[in-house]
Amino acid sequence: MAGSLEEQIAELEAELVKTPYNKATSKHIGRVKAKIAKLRDEAVNRAMKSGGGGEGYSVKKSGDATAVLVGFPSTGKSTLLNKLTGTDSAVAAYAFTTLTVVPGALEHKGAKIQLLDIPGLIAGAAMGKGRGKEVIGVVRSADIIIILVDVFNERHVEVLLKELYDAGIRINVPKPDITIKKSSVGGIRLAAVGTLDLDIDDVRSILSESKMMNADVLIRGNASQDDLIDALQGNRVYVPAFIAVNKVDLVDKERYLEIEHDIAARFANPPIMISAHAGYHMEELKDAIYDCLGFMRVYLKPQSGEADLEEPLIIRTGSTVETVCTKLHRDFVRRFRYARIWGDSVKHGGQRVGLTHPLLDGDILTIIIEH
């Protein structure tokens, strides 16, 4: 197939569109999808290497988590950053040739969240257009993505999601549990835990695109062709995200509801409707950022004193006593004896627990270590 990588990708995508999906075409579709994924990764890697190389621009992470604002130019990202964090972008700018990433610090419910305003994403950013490689590099390292559009350009959501997808960023989906181990003989062997829609022929055709003829594939839970291709490429990141629609003060109630309903219908979750300029729904947006990050608060209590209910320790949902020990001091795990907990994660107040005990929001915790 001749032509540039972009032309080859476009040709294969057109072939996918006109190929009806059924049992007979499944293998062919899988192979075409795998070919597109390889070419796209090649194009992205080429863009990353051109004009400076590396993974692009990165900002030193700070706080409990990092959220990044992704949108087209002029959707109000800078205004929103200033409203949420009090950042003066002219003062706090990090310059990198023509790219500026502006960090701000948002404090909410005891959490310190680093908020990054990046230059507007444009169509083709994943392929390196418009400083795309640096922008995508910052987005890939974020803990959550806030997709920002405005009331005049709400259809940009599809373009933004496609750019993120093309750059190997998977939004609001768990990482598939797929293990692929190359072997020297035996062909392709497939083992599945649970019900699986893929069959061995699909798996063979996808792996053959990467010249893999002998391998053991283990899939836990269901998986699609796309999931298998992602696992094969091995460079995908899985990031939670939500959509915010800015400038809602500039349309009437009827249009406001129409946009809200339209986005909710197409993307499963309703957007947060905001006006950064007017300060509308800023608290709701802060709550959405906090919730999307999966934060919870635990409170520390000295062995013979009152719990500090003013300054919670911010940890992620699913954390254990060991998570807290690690966050407090690197020696705490090694010197740990036991912990006592008051809260919803235990049956009775002051219950004695070990390092692996899972915590719940609002728990009060005393850690006993060897001195």
Protein backbone atom coordinates (compact mmCIF):
# COMPACT_ATOMS: atom_id res chain seq x y z
CA MET A 1 0.00 0.00 0.00
CA ALA A 2 1.59 3.27 -1.15
CA GLY A 3 1.15 6.80 0.17
CA SER A 4 1.86 8.49 3.47
CA LEU A 5 0.96 6.83 6.77
CA GLU A 6 -2.06 9.14 7.08
CA GLU A 7 -3.26 8.15 3.58
CA GLN A 8 -2.77 4.46 4.31
CA ILE A 9 -4.76 4.81 7.57
CA ALA A 10 -7.57 6.70 5.79
CA GLU A 11 -7.74 4.00 3.10
CA LEU A 12 -7.97 1.19 5.65
CA GLU A 13 -10.57 3.09 7.72
CA ALA A 14 -12.69 3.52 4.57
CA GLU A 15 -12.42 -0.24 3.97
CA LEU A 16 -13.63 -0.89 7.54
CA VAL A 17 -16.66 1.36 7.06
CA LYS A 18 -17.81 -0.49 3.94
CA THR A 19 -17.19 -4.01 5.33
CA PRO A 20 -20.32 -5.39 7.04
CA TYR A 21 -19.52 -7.14 10.32
CA ASN A 22 -20.49 -10.80 10.49
CA LYS A 23 -18.89 -14.14 11.34
CA ALA A 24 -17.40 -14.48 7.87
CA THR A 25 -15.79 -11.01 7.84
CA SER A 26 -14.72 -10.98 11.50
CA LYS A 27 -11.17 -12.23 10.85
CA HIS A 28 -10.62 -9.73 8.04
CA ILE A 29 -11.95 -6.84 10.16
CA GLY A 30 -9.66 -7.84 13.03
CA ARG A 31 -6.64 -7.87 10.72
CA VAL A 32 -7.51 -4.45 9.23
CA LYS A 33 -7.99 -2.96 12.70
CA ALA A 34 -4.63 -4.36 13.83
CA LYS A 35 -2.97 -2.90 10.71
CA ILE A 36 -4.53 0.55 11.42
CA ALA A 37 -3.32 0.41 15.04
CA LYS A 38 0.24 -0.39 13.94
CA LEU A 39 0.29 2.39 11.32
CA ARG A 40 -1.21 4.90 13.74
CA ASP A 41 1.37 4.08 16.41
CA GLU A 42 4.07 4.42 13.77
CA ALA A 43 2.72 7.86 12.77
CA VAL A 44 2.49 9.01 16.40
CA ASN A 45 6.03 7.76 17.14
CA ARG A 46 7.32 9.52 14.05
CA ALA A 47 5.64 12.75 15.18
CA MET A 48 7.13 12.34 18.67
CA LYS A 49 10.63 11.97 17.22
CA SER A 50 10.44 14.87 14.80
CA GLY A 51 11.57 18.30 15.96
CA GLY A 52 13.06 17.54 19.35
CA GLY A 53 12.14 13.95 20.14
CA GLY A 54 11.31 12.65 23.57
CA GLU A 55 7.89 12.28 25.10
CA GLY A 56 7.13 15.97 24.71
CA TYR A 57 6.64 18.56 27.41
CA SER A 58 5.91 17.51 30.97
CA VAL A 59 5.13 19.44 34.11
CA LYS A 60 6.42 18.25 37.48
CA LYS A 61 3.46 16.69 39.27
CA SER A 62 2.38 18.13 42.59
CA GLY A 63 -0.49 17.69 45.04
CA ASP A 64 -2.67 14.60 45.43
CA ALA A 65 -3.47 14.25 41.70
CA THR A 66 -3.27 16.00 38.34
CA ALA A 67 -6.25 17.00 36.18
CA VAL A 68 -5.80 18.37 32.66
CA LEU A 69 -8.15 20.64 30.68
CA VAL A 70 -8.47 19.44 27.07
CA GLY A 71 -10.30 21.49 24.48
CA PHE A 72 -10.03 23.42 21.24
CA PRO A 73 -8.59 26.95 21.34
CA SER A 74 -10.90 29.67 22.71
CA THR A 75 -13.22 27.41 24.73
CA GLY A 76 -12.35 29.33 27.91
CA LYS A 77 -9.76 27.01 29.49
CA SER A 78 -7.62 29.88 30.84
CA THR A 79 -10.63 31.68 32.31
CA LEU A 80 -11.75 28.44 33.94
CA LEU A 81 -8.29 27.75 35.39
CA ASN A 82 -8.16 31.26 36.85
CA LYS A 83 -11.66 30.92 38.31
CA LEU A 84 -10.94 27.52 39.93
CA THR A 85 -7.42 28.19 41.18
CA GLY A 86 -6.82 31.93 41.23
CA THR A 87 -3.86 31.37 38.89
CA ASP A 88 -2.67 34.32 36.83
CA SER A 89 -1.65 32.52 33.64
CA ALA A 90 0.68 35.34 32.56
CA VAL A 91 2.67 34.87 35.78
CA ALA A 92 2.57 31.10 36.17
CA ALA A 93 3.34 30.16 32.55
CA TYR A 94 5.80 27.40 31.76
CA ALA A 95 7.17 28.17 28.31
CA PHE A 96 8.42 25.52 25.93
CA THR A 97 9.07 27.03 22.49
CA THR A 98 5.55 27.72 21.22
CA LEU A 99 3.86 25.63 23.91
CA THR A 100 2.68 26.95 27.23
CA VAL A 101 1.34 24.69 29.96
CA VAL A 102 -0.17 26.66 32.82
CA PRO A 103 -0.47 24.86 36.16
CA GLY A 104 -2.75 25.92 38.98
CA ALA A 105 -3.58 24.41 42.38
CA LEU A 106 -7.19 23.65 43.28
CA GLU A 107 -7.99 22.85 46.91
CA HIS A 108 -11.29 21.08 47.49
CA LYS A 109 -12.53 18.95 50.39
CA GLY A 110 -8.99 18.76 51.74
CA ALA A 111 -7.50 17.57 48.44
CA LYS A 112 -4.78 19.48 46.62
CA ILE A 113 -5.34 19.00 42.89
CA GLN A 114 -2.90 20.19 40.25
CA LEU A 115 -4.91 21.60 37.33
CA LEU A 116 -3.18 22.00 33.97
CA ASP A 117 -4.33 24.27 31.17
CA ILE A 118 -2.72 23.11 27.92
CA PRO A 119 -2.82 24.78 24.51
CA GLY A 120 -5.93 24.02 22.49
CA LEU A 121 -5.94 20.58 20.94
CA ILE A 122 -6.53 20.61 17.19
CA ALA A 123 -7.59 17.93 14.73
CA GLY A 124 -4.49 15.90 13.90
CA ALA A 125 -2.80 16.54 17.25
CA ALA A 126 -2.22 12.81 17.76
CA MET A 127 -0.16 12.82 14.56
CA GLY A 128 1.93 15.74 15.85
CA LYS A 129 0.09 18.69 14.30
CA GLY A 130 0.00 22.02 16.17
CA ARG A 131 2.55 21.03 18.86
CA GLY A 132 0.36 17.95 19.32
CA LYS A 133 3.16 15.71 20.55
CA GLU A 134 3.87 17.88 23.62
CA VAL A 135 0.18 18.38 24.36
CA ILE A 136 -0.57 14.65 24.08
CA GLY A 137 2.45 13.87 26.30
CA VAL A 138 0.98 16.01 29.09
CA VAL A 139 -2.50 14.50 28.68
CA ARG A 140 -1.18 10.90 28.82
CA SER A 141 0.39 11.53 32.24
CA ALA A 142 -2.72 13.10 33.84
CA ASP A 143 -4.89 11.34 36.45
CA ILE A 144 -8.13 12.66 34.92
CA ILE A 145 -9.12 14.60 31.81
CA ILE A 146 -11.70 17.40 31.74
CA ILE A 147 -12.96 17.65 28.16
CA LEU A 148 -14.02 21.28 27.70
CA VAL A 149 -16.23 22.52 24.87
CA ASP A 150 -18.45 25.59 24.69
CA VAL A 151 -22.10 26.07 23.74
CA PHE A 152 -21.17 27.12 20.18
CA ASN A 153 -18.92 24.10 19.53
CA GLU A 154 -20.33 21.20 21.52
CA ARG A 155 -19.84 18.91 18.50
CA HIS A 156 -16.09 19.23 19.09
CA VAL A 157 -16.45 16.48 21.70
CA GLU A 158 -16.26 13.79 18.98
CA VAL A 159 -13.12 15.29 17.45
CA LEU A 160 -11.42 15.59 20.86
CA LEU A 161 -12.30 12.02 21.81
CA LYS A 162 -10.98 10.75 18.46
CA GLU A 163 -7.68 12.62 18.93
CA LEU A 164 -7.29 11.12 22.41
CA TYR A 165 -8.17 7.65 21.11
CA ASP A 166 -5.72 7.94 18.20
CA ALA A 167 -3.00 8.91 20.70
CA GLY A 168 -3.59 5.68 22.66
CA ILE A 169 -5.64 7.31 25.46
CA ARG A 170 -8.66 5.24 26.52
CA ILE A 171 -11.38 7.17 28.33
CA ASN A 172 -13.57 5.78 31.13
CA VAL A 173 -12.86 2.10 30.43
CA PRO A 174 -11.00 -0.36 32.65
CA LYS A 175 -7.78 -1.82 31.32
CA PRO A 176 -8.60 -5.23 29.81
CA ASP A 177 -7.05 -8.16 31.67
CA ILE A 178 -5.14 -9.71 28.78
CA THR A 179 -1.74 -11.43 28.94
CA ILE A 180 0.16 -12.26 25.74
CA LYS A 181 3.32 -14.38 26.09
CA LYS A 182 5.37 -15.12 23.00
CA SER A 183 6.60 -18.68 22.65
CA SER A 184 8.82 -20.44 20.15
CA VAL A 185 6.48 -23.29 19.16
CA GLY A 186 2.88 -24.44 19.46
CA GLY A 187 1.03 -21.81 17.43
CA ILE A 188 -1.50 -19.48 19.08
CA ARG A 189 -3.10 -20.90 22.23
CA LEU A 190 -6.06 -19.08 23.76
CA ALA A 191 -7.29 -19.50 27.35
CA ALA A 192 -10.24 -17.53 28.71
CA VAL A 193 -11.65 -17.03 32.19
CA GLY A 194 -15.36 -16.24 31.80
CA THR A 195 -17.41 -15.78 28.63
CA LEU A 196 -15.46 -14.59 25.60
CA ASP A 197 -16.84 -13.25 22.31
CA LEU A 198 -13.48 -13.55 20.52
CA ASP A 199 -12.59 -16.88 18.96
CA ILE A 200 -9.19 -18.37 18.20
CA ASP A 201 -9.36 -17.32 14.51
CA ASP A 202 -9.89 -13.66 15.48
CA VAL A 203 -6.92 -13.85 17.85
CA ARG A 204 -4.68 -15.53 15.22
CA SER A 205 -5.48 -12.95 12.53
CA ILE A 206 -4.79 -10.00 14.89
CA LEU A 207 -1.52 -11.46 16.21
CA SER A 208 -0.35 -12.35 12.69
CA GLU A 209 -0.30 -8.61 11.85
CA SER A 210 2.54 -8.31 14.39
CA LYS A 211 4.27 -11.39 12.92
CA MET A 212 3.36 -13.35 16.04
CA MET A 213 2.73 -16.99 15.15
CA ASN A 214 3.42 -18.67 18.51
CA ALA A 215 1.98 -17.26 21.72
CA ASP A 216 -0.09 -18.05 24.82
CA VAL A 217 -3.00 -15.62 25.24
CA LEU A 218 -4.90 -15.44 28.52
CA ILE A 219 -8.04 -13.27 28.69
CA ARG A 220 -9.89 -12.75 31.97
CA GLY A 221 -13.39 -11.37 31.49
CA ASN A 222 -14.79 -10.50 28.07
CA ALA A 223 -12.71 -8.65 25.48
CA SER A 224 -13.25 -7.20 22.01
CA GLN A 225 -10.93 -7.19 19.01
CA ASP A 226 -9.99 -3.61 19.93
CA ASP A 227 -9.08 -4.68 23.48
CA LEU A 228 -6.78 -7.41 22.14
CA ILE A 229 -5.13 -4.97 19.70
CA ASP A 230 -4.58 -2.48 22.54
CA ALA A 231 -2.99 -5.19 24.71
CA LEU A 232 -0.77 -6.20 21.78
CA GLN A 233 0.41 -2.62 21.18
CA GLY A 234 1.09 -2.31 24.92
CA ASN A 235 1.28 1.50 25.10
CA ARG A 236 -2.29 2.49 25.95
CA VAL A 237 -3.20 4.58 29.00
CA TYR A 238 -6.58 4.33 30.73
CA VAL A 239 -7.81 7.64 32.15
CA PRO A 240 -11.13 8.69 33.72
CA ALA A 241 -12.72 11.78 32.15
CA PHE A 242 -15.87 13.88 31.99
CA ILE A 243 -17.26 16.59 29.71
CA ALA A 244 -17.87 20.21 30.74
CA VAL A 245 -19.74 22.70 28.53
CA ASN A 246 -18.66 26.31 29.01
CA LYS A 247 -20.34 29.70 28.26
CA VAL A 248 -23.85 28.42 29.08
CA ASP A 249 -24.80 31.96 30.13
CA LEU A 250 -24.70 32.94 26.43
CA VAL A 251 -27.64 30.73 25.31
CA ASP A 252 -31.30 30.55 26.30
CA LYS A 253 -32.75 27.81 28.52
CA GLU A 254 -34.10 25.83 25.57
CA ARG A 255 -30.68 25.61 23.86
CA TYR A 256 -29.02 24.89 27.23
CA LEU A 257 -31.27 21.84 27.76
CA GLU A 258 -30.87 20.71 24.15
CA ILE A 259 -27.04 20.66 24.42
CA GLU A 260 -27.15 18.95 27.83
CA HIS A 261 -29.52 16.25 26.54
CA ASP A 262 -27.62 15.76 23.27
CA ILE A 263 -24.25 15.16 24.97
CA ALA A 264 -25.80 12.93 27.67
CA ALA A 265 -27.48 10.80 24.98
CA ARG A 266 -24.27 10.36 22.96
CA PHE A 267 -21.73 9.87 25.74
CA ALA A 268 -23.64 7.99 28.48
CA ASN A 269 -22.97 10.63 31.16
CA PRO A 270 -24.51 14.11 31.37
CA PRO A 271 -22.01 16.98 31.02
CA ILE A 272 -21.33 19.59 33.71
CA MET A 273 -22.89 22.81 32.36
CA ILE A 274 -20.77 25.80 33.44
CA SER A 275 -19.88 29.42 32.84
CA ALA A 276 -16.30 30.17 33.87
CA HIS A 277 -16.84 33.88 33.22
CA ALA A 278 -19.99 34.10 35.38
CA GLY A 279 -18.81 31.53 37.96
CA TYR A 280 -21.87 29.34 37.28
CA HIS A 281 -21.70 25.75 38.63
CA MET A 282 -18.09 26.09 39.82
CA GLU A 283 -18.75 24.14 43.03
CA GLU A 284 -20.46 21.37 41.02
CA LEU A 285 -17.40 21.25 38.74
CA LYS A 286 -15.04 21.00 41.72
CA ASP A 287 -17.16 18.13 43.11
CA ALA A 288 -17.05 16.38 39.70
CA ILE A 289 -13.24 16.66 39.59
CA TYR A 290 -12.95 15.30 43.15
CA ASP A 291 -15.38 12.42 42.47
CA CYS A 292 -13.79 11.53 39.11
CA LEU A 293 -10.42 11.22 40.87
CA GLY A 294 -11.93 8.64 43.24
CA PHE A 295 -10.71 10.43 46.36
CA MET A 296 -11.61 9.60 49.92
CA ARG A 297 -10.63 11.15 53.24
CA VAL A 298 -9.18 9.44 56.28
CA TYR A 299 -8.30 11.15 59.55
CA LEU A 300 -5.26 10.43 61.68
CA LYS A 301 -5.48 9.99 65.45
CA PRO A 302 -2.41 9.95 67.71
CA GLN A 303 -2.30 6.96 70.08
CA SER A 304 -3.26 9.03 73.11
CA GLY A 305 -4.97 12.07 71.65
CA GLU A 306 -7.89 13.39 69.63
CA ALA A 307 -8.26 12.76 65.88
CA ASP A 308 -7.35 15.66 63.58
CA LEU A 309 -10.69 16.22 61.85
CA GLU A 310 -9.55 19.48 60.26
CA GLU A 311 -6.80 18.06 58.03
CA PRO A 312 -7.83 14.81 56.31
CA LEU A 313 -5.33 12.62 54.52
CA ILE A 314 -6.44 12.30 50.87
CA ILE A 315 -6.13 8.82 49.36
CA ARG A 316 -7.73 6.98 46.44
CA THR A 317 -10.75 4.69 46.73
CA GLY A 318 -9.55 1.12 47.28
CA SER A 319 -6.56 2.17 49.41
CA THR A 320 -5.39 0.11 52.37
CA VAL A 321 -3.65 0.83 55.69
CA GLU A 322 -0.40 0.16 53.82
CA THR A 323 -1.22 2.98 51.35
CA VAL A 324 -1.49 5.42 54.27
CA CYS A 325 1.75 4.16 55.86
CA THR A 326 3.61 4.59 52.56
CA LYS A 327 2.22 8.11 52.13
CA LEU A 328 3.21 9.17 55.65
CA HIS A 329 6.80 7.88 55.71
CA ARG A 330 8.75 5.24 53.80
CA ASP A 331 9.79 3.52 57.08
CA PHE A 332 6.23 3.11 58.39
CA VAL A 333 5.57 -0.12 56.49
CA ARG A 334 8.80 -1.74 57.74
CA ARG A 335 8.17 -0.65 61.37
CA PHE A 336 4.41 -1.29 61.33
CA ARG A 337 2.92 -3.29 64.24
CA TYR A 338 -0.84 -2.75 63.86
CA ALA A 339 -3.48 -0.07 63.34
CA ARG A 340 -6.74 0.80 65.09
CA ILE A 341 -9.70 2.08 63.10
CA TRP A 342 -12.96 3.85 63.87
CA GLY A 343 -15.38 4.07 60.93
CA ASP A 344 -17.40 2.22 58.30
CA SER A 345 -14.61 -0.18 57.31
CA VAL A 346 -14.65 -1.98 60.68
CA LYS A 347 -17.29 -3.80 62.74
CA HIS A 348 -16.55 -1.95 65.98
CA GLY A 349 -14.72 1.25 66.93
CA GLY A 350 -11.03 0.90 67.68
CA GLN A 351 -10.81 -2.45 65.88
CA ARG A 352 -7.26 -3.73 65.43
CA VAL A 353 -6.26 -4.33 61.78
CA GLY A 354 -3.21 -5.10 59.62
CA LEU A 355 -1.57 -3.50 56.58
CA THR A 356 -3.90 -5.11 54.02
CA HIS A 357 -7.11 -3.76 55.62
CA PRO A 358 -9.13 -1.78 53.00
CA LEU A 359 -10.21 1.70 54.15
CA LEU A 360 -13.44 3.62 53.57
CA ASP A 361 -14.15 7.33 53.35
CA GLY A 362 -14.24 8.99 56.76
CA ASP A 363 -12.26 6.32 58.65
CA ILE A 364 -10.24 7.47 61.65
CA LEU A 365 -6.90 5.73 61.92
CA THR A 366 -4.21 5.22 64.56
CA ILE A 367 -0.99 3.60 63.35
CA ILE A 368 1.24 1.84 65.90
CA ILE A 369 4.86 1.41 64.85
CA GLU A 370 7.95 -0.01 66.50
CA HIS A 371 10.27 2.66 67.90
